[in-house]
C-alpha atoms as a PDB file:
ATOM      1  CA  MET A   1      55.632 150.051 114.851  1.00  0.00           C
ATOM      2  CA  ASN A   2      55.062 147.252 112.141  1.00  0.00           C
ATOM      3  CA  MET A   3      57.877 145.673 111.264  1.00  0.00           C
ATOM      4  CA  THR A   4      57.757 142.645 107.983  1.00  0.00           C
ATOM      5  CA  ILE A   5      60.677 139.839 107.045  1.00  0.00           C
ATOM      6  CA  ASP A   6      60.679 139.646 103.595  1.00  0.00           C
ATOM      7  CA  GLY A   7      56.970 140.893 102.938  1.00  0.00           C
ATOM      8  CA  LYS A   8      55.524 138.978 105.769  1.00  0.00           C
ATOM      9  CA  ALA A   9      54.734 140.688 109.139  1.00  0.00           C
ATOM     10  CA  ALA A  10      57.332 139.839 111.759  1.00  0.00           C
ATOM     11  CA  ASP A  11      55.653 137.864 114.403  1.00  0.00           C
ATOM     12  CA  ILE A  12      58.168 138.957 116.979  1.00  0.00           C
ATOM     13  CA  THR A  13      58.129 140.775 120.612  1.00  0.00           C
ATOM     14  CA  LEU A  14      60.352 143.174 121.361  1.00  0.00           C
ATOM     15  CA  GLU A  15      61.031 143.442 124.948  1.00  0.00           C
ATOM     16  CA  ARG A  16      64.939 145.452 125.783  1.00  0.00           C
ATOM     17  CA  GLU A  17      65.225 146.870 122.065  1.00  0.00           C
ATOM     18  CA  LYS A  18      65.519 150.235 121.808  1.00  0.00           C
ATOM     19  CA  THR A  19      67.249 151.661 118.624  1.00  0.00           C
ATOM     20  CA  ILE A  20      66.961 149.937 115.707  1.00  0.00           C
ATOM     21  CA  GLY A  21      70.673 148.651 116.373  1.00  0.00           C
ATOM     22  CA  ASP A  22      69.252 146.728 118.889  1.00  0.00           C
ATOM     23  CA  VAL A  23      66.699 145.508 116.750  1.00  0.00           C
ATOM     24  CA  LEU A  24      69.320 145.047 113.532  1.00  0.00           C
ATOM     25  CA  ALA A  25      72.151 142.753 116.665  1.00  0.00           C
ATOM     26  CA  ALA A  26      68.950 140.696 117.704  1.00  0.00           C
ATOM     27  CA  LEU A  27      67.812 139.445 114.410  1.00  0.00           C
ATOM     28  CA  GLU A  28      70.920 139.015 112.861  1.00  0.00           C
ATOM     29  CA  ASP A  29      71.472 136.431 115.657  1.00  0.00           C
ATOM     30  CA  TRP A  30      68.806 134.653 115.278  1.00  0.00           C
ATOM     31  CA  LEU A  31      69.200 134.570 111.304  1.00  0.00           C
ATOM     32  CA  ARG A  32      72.484 133.355 111.080  1.00  0.00           C
ATOM     33  CA  GLY A  33      71.536 130.578 113.342  1.00  0.00           C
ATOM     34  CA  SER A  34      69.231 129.422 110.187  1.00  0.00           C
ATOM     35  CA  GLY A  35      71.706 130.387 107.464  1.00  0.00           C
ATOM     36  CA  TYR A  36      70.354 133.492 106.136  1.00  0.00           C
ATOM     37  CA  ARG A  37      71.644 137.285 107.436  1.00  0.00           C
ATOM     38  CA  LEU A  38      70.117 140.366 106.229  1.00  0.00           C
ATOM     39  CA  SER A  39      70.631 142.287 103.189  1.00  0.00           C
ATOM     40  CA  GLY A  40      68.299 145.802 102.983  1.00  0.00           C
ATOM     41  CA  ILE A  41      66.446 147.979 105.046  1.00  0.00           C
ATOM     42  CA  ARG A  42      63.669 150.248 104.994  1.00  0.00           C
ATOM     43  CA  VAL A  43      62.379 152.638 107.869  1.00  0.00           C
ATOM     44  CA  ASN A  44      59.091 154.581 107.027  1.00  0.00           C
ATOM     45  CA  GLY A  45      58.900 153.159 103.560  1.00  0.00           C
ATOM     46  CA  GLU A  46      62.864 154.630 103.160  1.00  0.00           C
ATOM     47  CA  THR A  47      65.439 152.413 101.770  1.00  0.00           C
ATOM     48  CA  VAL A  48      68.481 152.379 104.138  1.00  0.00           C
ATOM     49  CA  GLY A  49      71.929 152.112 101.985  1.00  0.00           C
ATOM     50  CA  GLU A  50      75.247 150.929 103.210  1.00  0.00           C
ATOM     51  CA  ALA A  51      76.759 154.177 103.393  1.00  0.00           C
ATOM     52  CA  VAL A  52      74.060 155.665 106.141  1.00  0.00           C
ATOM     53  CA  LEU A  53      73.105 152.540 107.911  1.00  0.00           C
ATOM     54  CA  ASP A  54      75.237 153.826 110.606  1.00  0.00           C
ATOM     55  CA  GLN A  55      73.244 157.030 111.174  1.00  0.00           C
ATOM     56  CA  PHE A  56      69.847 154.786 111.434  1.00  0.00           C
ATOM     57  CA  PHE A  57      71.278 152.271 114.144  1.00  0.00           C
ATOM     58  CA  ASN A  58      70.636 154.705 117.270  1.00  0.00           C
ATOM     59  CA  ARG A  59      67.743 155.677 115.800  1.00  0.00           C
ATOM     60  CA  ASP A  60      64.648 155.431 119.286  1.00  0.00           C
ATOM     61  CA  LEU A  61      62.293 152.735 117.754  1.00  0.00           C
ATOM     62  CA  SER A  62      59.390 155.502 118.651  1.00  0.00           C
ATOM     63  CA  THR A  63      60.188 157.275 115.607  1.00  0.00           C
ATOM     64  CA  VAL A  64      59.753 154.362 113.486  1.00  0.00           C
ATOM     65  CA  GLU A  65      56.012 153.577 111.930  1.00  0.00           C
ATOM     66  CA  THR A  66      57.381 150.738 109.771  1.00  0.00           C
ATOM     67  CA  LEU A  67      60.662 148.456 109.788  1.00  0.00           C
ATOM     68  CA  ASP A  68      60.516 146.425 106.571  1.00  0.00           C
ATOM     69  CA  LEU A  69      63.543 143.706 105.971  1.00  0.00           C
ATOM     70  CA  ARG A  70      64.664 141.733 103.722  1.00  0.00           C
ATOM     71  CA  THR A  71      66.923 139.004 103.662  1.00  0.00           C
ATOM     72  CA  SER A  72      68.770 136.083 101.839  1.00  0.00           C
ATOM     73  CA  SER A  73      71.130 132.847 102.415  1.00  0.00           C
ATOM     74  CA  TRP A  74      74.180 132.454 103.146  1.00  0.00           C
ATOM     75  CA  ALA A  75      75.051 130.888  99.939  1.00  0.00           C
ATOM     76  CA  GLU A  76      73.473 134.050  98.432  1.00  0.00           C
ATOM     77  CA  HIS A  77      75.545 136.685  99.967  1.00  0.00           C
ATOM     78  CA  ALA A  78      79.053 134.127  99.311  1.00  0.00           C
ATOM     79  CA  PHE A  79      77.952 134.090  95.610  1.00  0.00           C
ATOM     80  CA  GLN A  80      77.732 138.080  95.417  1.00  0.00           C
ATOM     81  CA  SER A  81      80.201 138.355  97.295  1.00  0.00           C
ATOM     82  CA  ILE A  82      82.806 136.245  95.055  1.00  0.00           C
ATOM     83  CA  VAL A  83      81.147 137.760  91.873  1.00  0.00           C
ATOM     84  CA  SER A  84      81.947 141.669  93.127  1.00  0.00           C
ATOM     85  CA  LEU A  85      85.430 140.519  93.229  1.00  0.00           C
ATOM     86  CA  CYS A  86      86.067 138.226  90.189  1.00  0.00           C
ATOM     87  CA  GLY A  87      84.441 141.371  88.612  1.00  0.00           C
ATOM     88  CA  ILE A  88      87.689 143.407  90.583  1.00  0.00           C
ATOM     89  CA  LEU A  89      90.004 141.325  89.578  1.00  0.00           C
ATOM     90  CA  GLU A  90      89.605 141.147  85.685  1.00  0.00           C
ATOM     91  CA  ARG A  91      90.126 145.081  86.250  1.00  0.00           C
ATOM     92  CA  LEU A  92      93.268 144.589  88.123  1.00  0.00           C
ATOM     93  CA  GLU A  93      94.604 141.924  85.166  1.00  0.00           C
ATOM     94  CA  GLN A  94      94.724 144.992  82.882  1.00  0.00           C
ATOM     95  CA  ALA A  95      95.414 147.774  85.430  1.00  0.00           C
ATOM     96  CA  ALA A  96      99.343 149.303  85.571  1.00  0.00           C
ATOM     97  CA  TYR A  97     100.743 148.252  89.018  1.00  0.00           C
ATOM     98  CA  ALA A  98     100.172 152.079  90.666  1.00  0.00           C
ATOM     99  CA  GLU A  99      96.703 151.206  90.035  1.00  0.00           C
ATOM    100  CA  ARG A 100      96.473 148.205  92.130  1.00  0.00           C
ATOM    101  CA  GLU A 101      95.731 150.558  95.446  1.00  0.00           C
ATOM    102  CA  GLY A 102      92.852 152.163  94.130  1.00  0.00           C
ATOM    103  CA  LEU A 103      91.040 148.665  92.835  1.00  0.00           C
ATOM    104  CA  ARG A 104      92.556 146.990  96.543  1.00  0.00           C
ATOM    105  CA  ALA A 105      90.619 150.302  98.152  1.00  0.00           C
ATOM    106  CA  GLU A 106      87.302 150.345  95.929  1.00  0.00           C
ATOM    107  CA  TRP A 107      87.064 146.443  97.082  1.00  0.00           C
ATOM    108  CA  THR A 108      87.523 146.820 100.514  1.00  0.00           C
ATOM    109  CA  ALA A 109      84.847 149.628 100.703  1.00  0.00           C
ATOM    110  CA  LEU A 110      82.447 146.990  99.192  1.00  0.00           C
ATOM    111  CA  PRO A 111      79.876 145.148 101.469  1.00  0.00           C
ATOM    112  CA  GLY A 112      80.984 141.265  99.808  1.00  0.00           C
ATOM    113  CA  ALA A 113      84.816 142.057 100.968  1.00  0.00           C
ATOM    114  CA  LEU A 114      83.376 142.757 104.402  1.00  0.00           C
ATOM    115  CA  PHE A 115      81.636 138.717 104.001  1.00  0.00           C
ATOM    116  CA  LEU A 116      84.410 137.603 103.064  1.00  0.00           C
ATOM    117  CA  ARG A 117      86.724 138.712 105.866  1.00  0.00           C
ATOM    118  CA  SER A 118      84.664 137.403 108.517  1.00  0.00           C
ATOM    119  CA  GLU A 119      82.746 134.306 106.580  1.00  0.00           C
ATOM    120  CA  ILE A 120      85.614 133.197 104.170  1.00  0.00           C
ATOM    121  CA  PRO A 121      89.395 134.632 105.264  1.00  0.00           C
ATOM    122  CA  ASP A 122      90.506 132.013 102.904  1.00  0.00           C
ATOM    123  CA  LEU A 123      89.101 133.789 100.166  1.00  0.00           C
ATOM    124  CA  TRP A 124      89.918 137.242 101.557  1.00  0.00           C
ATOM    125  CA  GLY A 125      93.213 136.467 102.320  1.00  0.00           C
ATOM    126  CA  MET A 126      94.264 135.481  98.410  1.00  0.00           C
ATOM    127  CA  ALA A 127      92.498 138.407  97.402  1.00  0.00           C
ATOM    128  CA  GLU A 128      94.919 140.595  99.506  1.00  0.00           C
ATOM    129  CA  ARG A 129      97.979 138.835  98.425  1.00  0.00           C
ATOM    130  CA  SER A 130      96.877 139.296  95.019  1.00  0.00           C
ATOM    131  CA  PHE A 131      96.169 143.144  95.075  1.00  0.00           C
ATOM    132  CA  ALA A 132      99.189 142.793  96.697  1.00  0.00           C
ATOM    133  CA  GLY A 133     100.840 141.144  93.984  1.00  0.00           C
ATOM    134  CA  GLU A 134     102.068 138.565  95.959  1.00  0.00           C
ATOM    135  CA  GLY A 135     100.603 135.048  95.323  1.00  0.00           C
ATOM    136  CA  VAL A 136      97.978 133.685  93.077  1.00  0.00           C
ATOM    137  CA  PRO A 137      97.892 136.073  90.053  1.00  0.00           C
ATOM    138  CA  PRO A 138      94.785 137.827  89.286  1.00  0.00           C
ATOM    139  CA  ALA A 139      93.793 135.660  86.639  1.00  0.00           C
ATOM    140  CA  GLU A 140      94.499 132.414  88.506  1.00  0.00           C
ATOM    141  CA  LEU A 141      92.614 133.512  91.330  1.00  0.00           C
ATOM    142  CA  ARG A 142      89.780 134.059  89.147  1.00  0.00           C
ATOM    143  CA  THR A 143      89.728 130.164  87.784  1.00  0.00           C
ATOM    144  CA  ILE A 144      89.340 129.345  91.976  1.00  0.00           C
ATOM    145  CA  LEU A 145      86.689 131.907  92.135  1.00  0.00           C
ATOM    146  CA  GLU A 146      84.862 130.660  89.508  1.00  0.00           C
ATOM    147  CA  GLY A 147      85.110 126.966  90.923  1.00  0.00           C
ATOM    148  CA  ARG A 148      83.657 128.046  94.499  1.00  0.00           C
ATOM    149  CA  LEU A 149      80.738 130.141  92.358  1.00  0.00           C
ATOM    150  CA  ARG A 150      79.721 126.521  90.881  1.00  0.00           C
ATOM    151  CA  GLU A 151      79.616 125.189  94.274  1.00  0.00           C
ATOM    152  CA  LEU A 152      77.467 127.586  95.958  1.00  0.00           C
ATOM    153  CA  GLU A 153      75.247 127.351  92.343  1.00  0.00           C
ATOM    154  CA  ASP A 154      74.369 123.559  92.567  1.00  0.00           C
ATOM    155  CA  PRO A 155      76.435 122.183  95.525  1.00  0.00           C
ATOM    156  CA  ARG A 156      74.808 118.861  94.673  1.00  0.00           C
ATOM    157  CA  ARG A 157      75.908 118.298  91.189  1.00  0.00           C
ATOM    158  CA  GLU A 158      79.573 119.522  92.867  1.00  0.00           C
ATOM    159  CA  LEU A 159      79.348 116.923  94.959  1.00  0.00           C
ATOM    160  CA  ALA A 160      78.185 113.992  92.597  1.00  0.00           C
ATOM    161  CA  ALA A 161      81.153 115.575  90.301  1.00  0.00           C
ATOM    162  CA  ALA A 162      83.573 114.570  92.854  1.00  0.00           C
ATOM    163  CA  GLU A 163      83.326 110.874  92.557  1.00  0.00           C
ATOM    164  CA  PRO A 164      85.666 109.426  90.322  1.00  0.00           C
ATOM    165  CA  LEU A 165      88.056 112.185  91.781  1.00  0.00           C
ATOM    166  CA  VAL A 166      87.730 110.836  95.778  1.00  0.00           C
ATOM    167  CA  GLN A 167      87.672 107.417  94.404  1.00  0.00           C
ATOM    168  CA  ALA A 168      90.731 107.824  92.148  1.00  0.00           C
ATOM    169  CA  LEU A 169      92.203 109.805  95.302  1.00  0.00           C
ATOM    170  CA  ALA A 170      91.930 106.749  97.685  1.00  0.00           C
ATOM    171  CA  GLY A 171      93.860 104.733  95.403  1.00  0.00           C
ATOM    172  CA  ARG A 172      96.736 107.430  95.414  1.00  0.00           C
ATOM    173  CA  LEU A 173      97.054 107.302  99.097  1.00  0.00           C
ATOM    174  CA  GLY A 174      98.116 104.160  99.377  1.00  0.00           C
ATOM    175  CA  GLU A 175     101.012 104.834  96.952  1.00  0.00           C
ATOM    176  CA  LEU A 176     101.934 107.411  98.751  1.00  0.00           C
ATOM    177  CA  PRO A 177     104.642 105.906 100.861  1.00  0.00           C
ATOM    178  CA  LEU A 178     106.589 104.033  98.177  1.00  0.00           C
ATOM    179  CA  ASP A 179     105.902 106.952  95.968  1.00  0.00           C
ATOM    180  CA  ILE A 180     108.459 108.761  98.774  1.00  0.00           C
ATOM    181  CA  GLN A 181     110.740 105.525  98.899  1.00  0.00           C
ATOM    182  CA  THR A 182     111.187 105.879  95.042  1.00  0.00           C
ATOM    183  CA  GLY A 183     112.149 109.465  94.834  1.00  0.00           C
ATOM    184  CA  LYS A 184     108.566 110.413  93.280  1.00  0.00           C
ATOM    185  CA  ASP A 185     108.780 113.339  95.079  1.00  0.00           C
ATOM    186  CA  HIS A 186     106.386 115.257  92.542  1.00  0.00           C
ATOM    187  CA  ARG A 187     103.549 112.612  92.295  1.00  0.00           C
ATOM    188  CA  ALA A 188     103.916 112.716  96.020  1.00  0.00           C
ATOM    189  CA  ALA A 189     103.536 115.827  96.295  1.00  0.00           C
ATOM    190  CA  GLU A 190     100.568 115.978  94.051  1.00  0.00           C
ATOM    191  CA  THR A 191      98.936 113.838  95.965  1.00  0.00           C
ATOM    192  CA  MET A 192      99.199 115.543  99.309  1.00  0.00           C
ATOM    193  CA  THR A 193      98.230 118.641  97.309  1.00  0.00           C
ATOM    194  CA  LEU A 194      95.193 116.815  95.556  1.00  0.00           C
ATOM    195  CA  PHE A 195      94.059 114.982  98.809  1.00  0.00           C
ATOM    196  CA  SER A 196      93.704 118.480 100.761  1.00  0.00           C
ATOM    197  CA  THR A 197      92.253 120.728  98.661  1.00  0.00           C
ATOM    198  CA  THR A 198      89.725 117.865  97.925  1.00  0.00           C
ATOM    199  CA  ALA A 199      88.924 116.992 101.878  1.00  0.00           C
ATOM    200  CA  GLU A 200      88.885 121.077 101.985  1.00  0.00           C
ATOM    201  CA  LYS A 201      86.485 121.232  98.990  1.00  0.00           C
ATOM    202  CA  ILE A 202      84.206 117.791 100.228  1.00  0.00           C
ATOM    203  CA  VAL A 203      83.341 119.761 103.397  1.00  0.00           C
ATOM    204  CA  ARG A 204      82.770 122.668 101.961  1.00  0.00           C
ATOM    205  CA  LEU A 205      79.960 120.937 100.392  1.00  0.00           C
ATOM    206  CA  PHE A 206      78.573 119.514 102.681  1.00  0.00           C
ATOM    207  CA  ASN A 207      77.912 122.392 104.963  1.00  0.00           C
ATOM    208  CA  LEU A 208      76.524 124.361 101.961  1.00  0.00           C
ATOM    209  CA  LEU A 209      74.437 121.331 101.389  1.00  0.00           C
ATOM    210  CA  LYS A 210      73.692 121.433 105.685  1.00  0.00           C
ATOM    211  CA  ILE A 211      72.596 125.004 104.979  1.00  0.00           C
ATOM    212  CA  GLU A 212      70.102 124.048 102.651  1.00  0.00           C
ATOM    213  CA  GLY A 213      68.886 120.977 104.821  1.00  0.00           C
ATOM    214  CA  PHE A 214      69.605 118.320 103.408  1.00  0.00           C
ATOM    215  CA  PHE A 215      71.302 117.054 106.373  1.00  0.00           C
ATOM    216  CA  PRO A 216      69.583 116.104 109.778  1.00  0.00           C
ATOM    217  CA  GLU A 217      71.170 118.121 112.946  1.00  0.00           C
ATOM    218  CA  ASN A 218      71.919 114.584 114.461  1.00  0.00           C
ATOM    219  CA  ILE A 219      73.979 113.022 110.976  1.00  0.00           C
ATOM    220  CA  THR A 220      76.232 110.522 112.573  1.00  0.00           C
ATOM    221  CA  ILE A 221      79.260 108.769 110.844  1.00  0.00           C
ATOM    222  CA  GLU A 222      80.218 105.265 112.242  1.00  0.00           C
ATOM    223  CA  GLY A 223      78.024 105.804 115.204  1.00  0.00           C
ATOM    224  CA  ALA A 224      80.211 109.795 115.942  1.00  0.00           C
ATOM    225  CA  PRO A 225      78.343 113.077 114.901  1.00  0.00           C
ATOM    226  CA  VAL A 226      79.574 113.876 111.959  1.00  0.00           C
ATOM    227  CA  VAL A 227      80.979 117.612 113.664  1.00  0.00           C
ATOM    228  CA  ASP A 228      83.527 114.883 115.253  1.00  0.00           C
ATOM    229  CA  TYR A 229      84.025 113.217 112.021  1.00  0.00           C
ATOM    230  CA  ILE A 230      85.189 116.316 110.727  1.00  0.00           C
ATOM    231  CA  GLY A 231      87.200 117.276 113.230  1.00  0.00           C
ATOM    232  CA  GLU A 232      89.197 113.671 114.263  1.00  0.00           C
ATOM    233  CA  PHE A 233      89.734 113.579 109.566  1.00  0.00           C
ATOM    234  CA  ASP A 234      91.288 117.381 110.090  1.00  0.00           C
ATOM    235  CA  SER A 235      93.666 116.001 112.878  1.00  0.00           C
ATOM    236  CA  THR A 236      94.586 113.050 111.057  1.00  0.00           C
ATOM    237  CA  LEU A 237      95.280 115.202 108.174  1.00  0.00           C
ATOM    238  CA  ARG A 238      97.646 117.144 109.990  1.00  0.00           C
ATOM    239  CA  ASP A 239      99.510 114.440 111.158  1.00  0.00           C
ATOM    240  CA  LEU A 240      99.838 113.183 107.708  1.00  0.00           C
ATOM    241  CA  ILE A 241     101.489 116.235 106.695  1.00  0.00           C
ATOM    242  CA  ARG A 242     104.118 116.284 109.480  1.00  0.00           C
ATOM    243  CA  ALA A 243     105.073 112.653 108.848  1.00  0.00           C
ATOM    244  CA  TYR A 244     105.340 114.205 104.865  1.00  0.00           C
ATOM    245  CA  GLU A 245     107.368 116.541 105.826  1.00  0.00           C
ATOM    246  CA  GLU A 246     109.910 114.710 107.560  1.00  0.00           C
ATOM    247  CA  ARG A 247     109.803 111.947 105.977  1.00  0.00           C
ATOM    248  CA  ASP A 248     108.772 109.322 108.043  1.00  0.00           C
ATOM    249  CA  THR A 249     107.473 107.094 104.921  1.00  0.00           C
ATOM    250  CA  VAL A 250     106.264 104.247 108.237  1.00  0.00           C
ATOM    251  CA  LEU A 251     103.942 106.946 109.569  1.00  0.00           C
ATOM    252  CA  VAL A 252     102.622 108.505 105.793  1.00  0.00           C
ATOM    253  CA  GLY A 253     101.664 105.147 104.821  1.00  0.00           C
ATOM    254  CA  ASP A 254      99.719 104.283 108.030  1.00  0.00           C
ATOM    255  CA  LEU A 255      97.639 107.219 108.747  1.00  0.00           C
ATOM    256  CA  ALA A 256      97.527 107.504 104.393  1.00  0.00           C
ATOM    257  CA  GLU A 257      96.334 103.961 103.454  1.00  0.00           C
ATOM    258  CA  TYR A 258      94.724 103.015 106.573  1.00  0.00           C
ATOM    259  CA  GLU A 259      93.014 106.110 107.993  1.00  0.00           C
ATOM    260  CA  LEU A 260      92.953 109.115 105.768  1.00  0.00           C
ATOM    261  CA  ALA A 261      91.701 106.784 102.840  1.00  0.00           C
ATOM    262  CA  PRO A 262      88.998 104.948 104.600  1.00  0.00           C
ATOM    263  CA  ARG A 263      87.995 108.051 106.568  1.00  0.00           C
ATOM    264  CA  LEU A 264      87.777 109.886 103.080  1.00  0.00           C
ATOM    265  CA  LEU A 265      85.418 107.414 101.201  1.00  0.00           C
ATOM    266  CA  LYS A 266      83.673 106.722 104.155  1.00  0.00           C
ATOM    267  CA  PHE A 267      82.332 110.666 104.260  1.00  0.00           C
ATOM    268  CA  TYR A 268      81.637 111.243 100.520  1.00  0.00           C
ATOM    269  CA  SER A 269      79.546 107.847 100.622  1.00  0.00           C
ATOM    270  CA  ALA A 270      77.510 108.944 104.004  1.00  0.00           C
ATOM    271  CA  ILE A 271      76.543 112.298 102.151  1.00  0.00           C
ATOM    272  CA  LYS A 272      76.276 111.849  98.764  1.00  0.00           C
ATOM    273  CA  VAL A 273      72.960 113.134  98.033  1.00  0.00           C
END
């Protein structure tokens, strides 16, 4: 069997693989570590569509003369999945209530929906609630999705554009306990929301840039592996949310001013490209 990947001969030795499904499963595992996914398959010159892919999984390799595979990056898959969701949401905005379930069924049958469910579950969940008439309305969700598309299109530009927000947010974190003490509940709640969404955005952009090879695997911040640093950052953020909900202004102040604000600035400075 002759196998190509993106038009180039695949230098892969098959050992225990007996079927096309075996080959695809092995390749998916291998590609996942490189940030790529399978996006197209041709068997003996015949393009295999999503609708009939299952029929080819159990096909014995002895019947296959040529297997041509096409790949796309994780970011490309994510971009197309979000674009397809935006298109459905635009129709949902104009649809009658009785049409919602049909549009939801149409969307969930698309490969993009399966990708979002497994790879970007927060967007998938927001979409599910929007189709059900709950949570974020379709128009507002499209605005959120357009922001994610900008991140995927140019993560370096988005990261650079976030610097003024990161700097301003670090200052607001220092004012958070005083805002709570003086009854500025709206400003305090806004600071918490801004911090949570900004931190999530910076981590997403870091992961996108890492997939694209901008950061070495052994990157460290203050001597700690970046994965550990992000984990500690997330744990401290959860502590802050808990302290804020319990109106523990002393703990809120300590965590916000002496833990999270410096961590946010150091993390951003370390990954700014």
